[in-house]
Every structure is written in structure tokens, then in C-alpha cells.
Amino acid sequence: MEELEILLKGVSDSYSDFVVGVMAEARSSPEKLDELIAFIKNNPEATTSDIGEWTAVNIQGIDLENPPELVLVDDEPEES
């Protein structure tokens, strides 16, 4: 995980929430860690968006051609 953190911090448009978020994704799917590290190493010009897309497809299993419907929920209680 230390290698991943170093790689993520080295991304050209890296920021702290990006690093924390991708690290959390990697912790939730340790079987994908080596693939993620390889993707970053093989794509040194990858941006945070590129890496986010990779994690969405390869870790979260989201089909970008047919993404799940976004459902907005208002958790605020109604005023009476």
C-alpha cells in the first residue's frame, strides 16, 4: 500500500482526497492492488480522472457505457 500511496501522490493533478479515496478503494479490494499499481506505472501521464475511471470499472464494476441510475435522496426531515 505504501507504493500505491507514493504513486498516487506523484500523479500530476493529485490532491489529498483523491489519494485517500483511491487508497480506500484499494483496501476494499486487495486482490486488485497489483493491477492498480501496474496501471499507474504503465500510464505515467494518467490523471486523477483516468485513475478514477479505472477504479470505477475495475474495482467498483461500473459499466461506463451503461452506468447505474443516480437516485437522489433528501434525508432532511420536512418542516411542519
Protein backbone atom coordinates (compact mmCIF):
# COMPACT_ATOMS: atom_id res chain seq x y z
CA MET A 1 0.00 0.00 0.00
CA GLU A 2 2.93 2.33 0.62
CA GLU A 3 3.99 2.02 -3.04
CA LEU A 4 0.45 2.88 -4.15
CA GLU A 5 0.36 5.95 -1.93
CA ILE A 6 3.65 7.20 -3.36
CA LEU A 7 2.40 6.65 -6.92
CA LEU A 8 -0.89 8.41 -6.22
CA LYS A 9 0.86 11.41 -4.70
CA GLY A 10 3.00 11.59 -7.84
CA VAL A 11 0.03 11.95 -10.21
CA SER A 12 0.22 15.34 -11.92
CA ASP A 13 -3.10 16.65 -10.56
CA SER A 14 -3.09 14.70 -7.30
CA TYR A 15 -4.83 16.03 -4.20
CA SER A 16 -5.27 14.60 -0.70
CA ASP A 17 -8.91 13.44 -1.02
CA PHE A 18 -8.01 11.63 -4.26
CA VAL A 19 -5.18 9.76 -2.53
CA VAL A 20 -7.36 8.86 0.46
CA GLY A 21 -10.24 7.75 -1.77
CA VAL A 22 -8.18 5.52 -4.04
CA MET A 23 -6.39 4.04 -1.04
CA ALA A 24 -9.79 3.18 0.47
CA GLU A 25 -10.85 1.55 -2.81
CA ALA A 26 -7.64 -0.49 -2.84
CA ARG A 27 -8.14 -1.59 0.77
CA SER A 28 -11.64 -2.80 -0.07
CA SER A 29 -10.32 -4.89 -3.00
CA PRO A 30 -6.78 -6.01 -2.13
CA GLU A 31 -6.88 -8.54 -4.98
CA LYS A 32 -6.82 -5.57 -7.41
CA LEU A 33 -3.89 -3.77 -5.77
CA ASP A 34 -1.20 -5.12 -8.12
CA GLU A 35 -3.33 -4.33 -11.18
CA LEU A 36 -3.91 -0.77 -9.97
CA ILE A 37 -0.22 -0.22 -9.31
CA ALA A 38 0.60 -1.64 -12.77
CA PHE A 39 -1.96 0.67 -14.40
CA ILE A 40 -0.41 3.74 -12.79
CA LYS A 41 3.14 2.65 -13.63
CA ASN A 42 2.21 1.80 -17.24
CA ASN A 43 0.39 5.11 -17.67
CA PRO A 44 2.69 7.77 -16.17
CA GLU A 45 0.65 10.56 -17.79
CA ALA A 46 -2.60 9.32 -16.20
CA THR A 47 -4.60 11.98 -14.39
CA THR A 48 -6.77 11.60 -11.32
CA SER A 49 -9.75 11.23 -13.66
CA ASP A 50 -8.07 8.39 -15.55
CA ILE A 51 -7.31 6.56 -12.32
CA GLY A 52 -10.82 7.24 -11.02
CA GLU A 53 -12.24 5.75 -14.21
CA TRP A 54 -10.01 2.68 -13.84
CA THR A 55 -11.18 2.11 -10.26
CA ALA A 56 -14.83 2.64 -11.24
CA VAL A 57 -14.59 -0.02 -13.94
CA ASN A 58 -12.14 -2.48 -12.39
CA ILE A 59 -12.90 -2.24 -8.67
CA GLN A 60 -16.49 -1.00 -8.45
CA GLY A 61 -17.58 -2.88 -11.57
CA ILE A 62 -19.38 0.09 -13.12
CA ASP A 63 -20.14 -0.19 -16.83
CA LEU A 64 -19.39 3.30 -18.10
CA GLU A 65 -21.44 2.67 -21.24
CA ASN A 66 -24.47 1.86 -19.09
CA PRO A 67 -23.96 3.48 -15.65
CA PRO A 68 -26.40 2.85 -12.82
CA GLU A 69 -29.22 5.33 -12.36
CA LEU A 70 -28.44 8.14 -9.96
CA VAL A 71 -31.06 8.34 -7.23
CA LEU A 72 -31.04 11.48 -5.12
CA VAL A 73 -32.45 11.16 -1.62
CA ASP A 74 -33.35 14.05 0.62
CA ASP A 75 -32.59 12.93 4.17
CA GLU A 76 -33.63 16.24 5.70
CA PRO A 77 -36.79 16.00 7.78
CA GLU A 78 -39.69 18.03 6.46
CA GLU A 79 -40.60 21.11 8.50
CA SER A 80 -44.15 21.20 9.77
